[in-house]
Amino acid sequence: MSTKGVLVLALAGLLLVTFPSLCSGRAAHHHHQAQKCQPSGTLESPARGHTCDECCKPGHIYPTYQCSPPVSSHTKAIMTLNDFSEGGDGGDPSECDGKFHKNSERVVALSTGWYAKGKRCGKNIRIHAKGRSVLAKVVDECDTLHGCDKPHAFQSPCPHNDVDASQAVWDALGITGDDVGDFPITWSDA
């Protein structure tokens, strides 16, 4: 292929990544599924920050995402631990119902793209790990665009592939000790 042909293809790809709305219809849907979710911007945490283990690092720049990887019957993700109770590290009440949740409830927050503007609220997802599976109810968004402020418990924006789960989900999957924190899982809509 000529250099000119390569440049035209590169420019076309850049346009589709930068302006995904240029694609429409079924072909675009399949095209987007084949693409990987790329950062859509960055968020710089304040120079003077809150101090805690999970808090944003002062002056650090975090990637932000408007998307999450495509959902399949075995969507790969990283499961993190979240305290959905009042005063817990989840910050404000859950987006779906405006309530806090006990850590004994099997509940999750999904990254912004998977949360899909609340379309999965109140619905169950099936999480697979270590040869086990569990149903968990979607109650919140793990915000991939915003963070480092009080509504987000001074934590950085979530990764684009995060399932933020209550202790009950971890317990049901038999994940304990040092494995609790960031654990590779797969999930699907139930």
Protein backbone atom coordinates (compact mmCIF):
# COMPACT_ATOMS: atom_id res chain seq x y z
CA MET A 1 0.00 0.00 0.00
CA SER A 2 1.26 3.48 -0.82
CA THR A 3 2.20 6.01 1.83
CA LYS A 4 -0.75 8.12 0.72
CA GLY A 5 -3.12 5.15 1.21
CA VAL A 6 -1.77 4.50 4.70
CA LEU A 7 -2.20 8.18 5.61
CA VAL A 8 -5.80 8.21 4.34
CA LEU A 9 -6.64 5.10 6.38
CA ALA A 10 -4.93 6.53 9.47
CA LEU A 11 -6.84 9.82 9.11
CA ALA A 12 -10.15 7.97 8.60
CA GLY A 13 -9.48 5.89 11.72
CA LEU A 14 -8.59 8.98 13.72
CA LEU A 15 -11.82 10.70 12.60
CA LEU A 16 -13.93 7.69 13.61
CA VAL A 17 -12.25 7.47 17.01
CA THR A 18 -12.50 11.23 17.59
CA PHE A 19 -16.06 11.58 16.22
CA PRO A 20 -17.80 8.22 16.76
CA SER A 21 -21.17 9.79 15.90
CA LEU A 22 -19.99 9.87 12.27
CA CYS A 23 -20.71 6.14 12.27
CA SER A 24 -24.33 5.11 12.35
CA GLY A 25 -26.35 1.95 12.08
CA ARG A 26 -25.48 -1.71 12.43
CA ALA A 27 -22.05 -1.45 10.78
CA ALA A 28 -21.00 1.21 13.26
CA HIS A 29 -22.22 -0.93 16.16
CA HIS A 30 -19.99 -3.80 15.08
CA HIS A 31 -17.14 -1.39 14.32
CA HIS A 32 -17.34 0.06 17.84
CA GLN A 33 -17.43 -3.39 19.40
CA ALA A 34 -14.18 -4.20 17.67
CA GLN A 35 -12.56 -1.01 18.96
CA LYS A 36 -10.98 -0.78 22.37
CA CYS A 37 -12.19 1.83 24.80
CA GLN A 38 -9.66 4.65 24.81
CA PRO A 39 -9.32 7.53 27.32
CA SER A 40 -11.52 10.49 26.44
CA GLY A 41 -9.59 13.03 28.49
CA THR A 42 -7.82 13.62 31.78
CA LEU A 43 -8.61 14.94 35.23
CA GLU A 44 -5.97 16.69 37.32
CA SER A 45 -6.48 16.35 41.05
CA PRO A 46 -6.17 19.52 43.15
CA ALA A 47 -2.62 20.46 44.20
CA ARG A 48 -3.79 20.23 47.81
CA GLY A 49 -5.78 17.10 48.35
CA HIS A 50 -7.54 15.05 50.93
CA THR A 51 -5.26 12.53 52.60
CA CYS A 52 -6.35 8.90 52.77
CA ASP A 53 -5.15 5.60 51.30
CA GLU A 54 -7.63 5.67 48.43
CA CYS A 55 -7.62 9.45 47.83
CA CYS A 56 -6.34 11.19 44.70
CA LYS A 57 -2.67 12.07 44.80
CA PRO A 58 -2.22 15.89 44.82
CA GLY A 59 -1.46 17.23 41.33
CA HIS A 60 -1.73 13.76 39.72
CA ILE A 61 -3.35 13.46 36.28
CA TYR A 62 -5.87 10.63 35.85
CA PRO A 63 -7.31 9.33 32.56
CA THR A 64 -11.07 9.65 32.09
CA TYR A 65 -13.34 7.46 29.94
CA GLN A 66 -16.76 7.92 28.34
CA CYS A 67 -16.84 4.26 27.31
CA SER A 68 -16.35 0.75 28.66
CA PRO A 69 -15.43 -2.40 26.72
CA PRO A 70 -18.33 -4.11 24.89
CA VAL A 71 -20.50 -6.37 27.06
CA SER A 72 -20.55 -10.07 26.17
CA SER A 73 -21.44 -13.32 27.93
CA HIS A 74 -17.96 -13.17 29.55
CA THR A 75 -17.05 -9.49 29.80
CA LYS A 76 -13.58 -9.12 31.30
CA ALA A 77 -13.33 -6.69 34.20
CA ILE A 78 -11.48 -5.84 37.37
CA MET A 79 -13.54 -6.19 40.54
CA THR A 80 -12.81 -3.73 43.33
CA LEU A 81 -14.17 -3.52 46.87
CA ASN A 82 -16.65 -0.78 47.74
CA ASP A 83 -18.41 0.12 50.97
CA PHE A 84 -21.92 1.23 49.93
CA SER A 85 -22.95 2.09 53.52
CA GLU A 86 -23.36 5.62 54.87
CA GLY A 87 -19.90 7.00 55.69
CA GLY A 88 -18.28 4.29 53.56
CA ASP A 89 -15.78 4.80 50.75
CA GLY A 90 -18.57 4.86 48.15
CA GLY A 91 -19.18 8.56 48.84
CA ASP A 92 -22.72 9.77 48.17
CA PRO A 93 -25.82 7.52 48.19
CA SER A 94 -26.20 5.15 45.22
CA GLU A 95 -27.21 6.76 41.90
CA CYS A 96 -29.96 4.25 41.11
CA ASP A 97 -32.10 4.59 44.23
CA GLY A 98 -30.60 7.46 46.24
CA LYS A 99 -29.93 5.07 49.13
CA PHE A 100 -26.99 3.62 51.00
CA HIS A 101 -26.69 -0.18 51.05
CA LYS A 102 -25.49 -2.64 53.68
CA ASN A 103 -22.26 -4.49 52.98
CA SER A 104 -24.24 -7.71 53.47
CA GLU A 105 -26.20 -6.93 50.26
CA ARG A 106 -24.84 -8.24 46.95
CA VAL A 107 -24.63 -4.90 45.13
CA VAL A 108 -22.27 -3.35 42.57
CA ALA A 109 -21.40 -0.11 40.85
CA LEU A 110 -20.43 -0.33 37.17
CA SER A 111 -18.03 1.87 35.20
CA THR A 112 -19.77 4.75 33.40
CA GLY A 113 -19.98 3.03 30.00
CA TRP A 114 -21.46 -0.17 31.44
CA TYR A 115 -23.76 1.79 33.78
CA ALA A 116 -25.23 3.19 30.54
CA LYS A 117 -26.93 6.24 32.08
CA GLY A 118 -28.81 4.02 34.52
CA LYS A 119 -30.11 1.43 32.05
CA ARG A 120 -28.80 -1.39 34.29
CA CYS A 121 -30.16 0.13 37.54
CA GLY A 122 -31.90 -2.43 39.70
CA LYS A 123 -30.96 -5.24 37.32
CA ASN A 124 -28.77 -8.20 38.22
CA ILE A 125 -25.47 -9.06 36.64
CA ARG A 126 -23.75 -12.44 36.96
CA ILE A 127 -20.14 -12.27 38.14
CA HIS A 128 -17.75 -15.21 37.55
CA ALA A 129 -14.49 -15.75 39.45
CA LYS A 130 -12.53 -18.68 40.87
CA GLY A 131 -14.96 -21.24 39.41
CA ARG A 132 -17.95 -19.64 41.16
CA SER A 133 -20.65 -17.23 40.06
CA VAL A 134 -22.95 -14.87 41.92
CA LEU A 135 -25.80 -12.52 41.06
CA ALA A 136 -25.40 -8.91 42.17
CA LYS A 137 -27.74 -5.94 41.76
CA VAL A 138 -26.54 -2.78 40.01
CA VAL A 139 -27.17 0.17 42.34
CA ASP A 140 -24.56 2.73 41.34
CA GLU A 141 -22.19 4.16 38.76
CA CYS A 142 -18.44 3.95 39.21
CA ASP A 143 -17.74 7.34 37.62
CA THR A 144 -15.00 7.22 34.99
CA LEU A 145 -15.23 10.94 34.15
CA HIS A 146 -15.13 12.68 37.54
CA GLY A 147 -13.43 12.27 40.91
CA CYS A 148 -11.04 13.75 43.47
CA ASP A 149 -13.94 15.56 45.18
CA LYS A 150 -16.35 15.02 48.07
CA PRO A 151 -19.19 13.36 46.04
CA HIS A 152 -16.60 10.78 44.89
CA ALA A 153 -15.09 10.33 48.39
CA PHE A 154 -11.91 12.10 47.10
CA GLN A 155 -11.09 9.04 44.99
CA SER A 156 -9.77 9.11 41.43
CA PRO A 157 -12.05 8.42 38.45
CA CYS A 158 -12.82 4.70 38.11
CA PRO A 159 -11.14 2.58 35.45
CA HIS A 160 -13.25 1.94 32.34
CA ASN A 161 -13.52 -1.80 33.17
CA ASP A 162 -14.48 -1.73 36.86
CA VAL A 163 -17.11 -3.68 38.77
CA ASP A 164 -17.07 -2.10 42.23
CA ALA A 165 -18.58 -4.74 44.53
CA SER A 166 -19.80 -4.97 48.13
CA GLN A 167 -18.15 -7.27 50.64
CA ALA A 168 -21.08 -9.71 50.24
CA VAL A 169 -20.16 -10.24 46.56
CA TRP A 170 -16.53 -10.96 47.46
CA ASP A 171 -17.65 -13.37 50.19
CA ALA A 172 -20.05 -15.22 47.85
CA LEU A 173 -17.20 -15.70 45.35
CA GLY A 174 -14.90 -17.00 48.08
CA ILE A 175 -12.32 -14.27 47.52
CA THR A 176 -10.62 -13.38 50.77
CA GLY A 177 -7.43 -12.05 52.33
CA ASP A 178 -4.80 -10.47 50.08
CA ASP A 179 -6.86 -11.29 46.94
CA VAL A 180 -9.46 -8.67 47.95
CA GLY A 181 -8.83 -5.34 46.21
CA ASP A 182 -8.32 -5.64 42.45
CA PHE A 183 -9.37 -9.05 41.15
CA PRO A 184 -9.86 -10.17 37.51
CA ILE A 185 -13.42 -11.40 36.84
CA THR A 186 -15.87 -11.85 34.01
CA TRP A 187 -19.48 -10.71 34.14
CA SER A 188 -22.63 -10.67 32.04
CA ASP A 189 -26.16 -9.33 32.19
CA ALA A 190 -28.32 -11.83 34.09
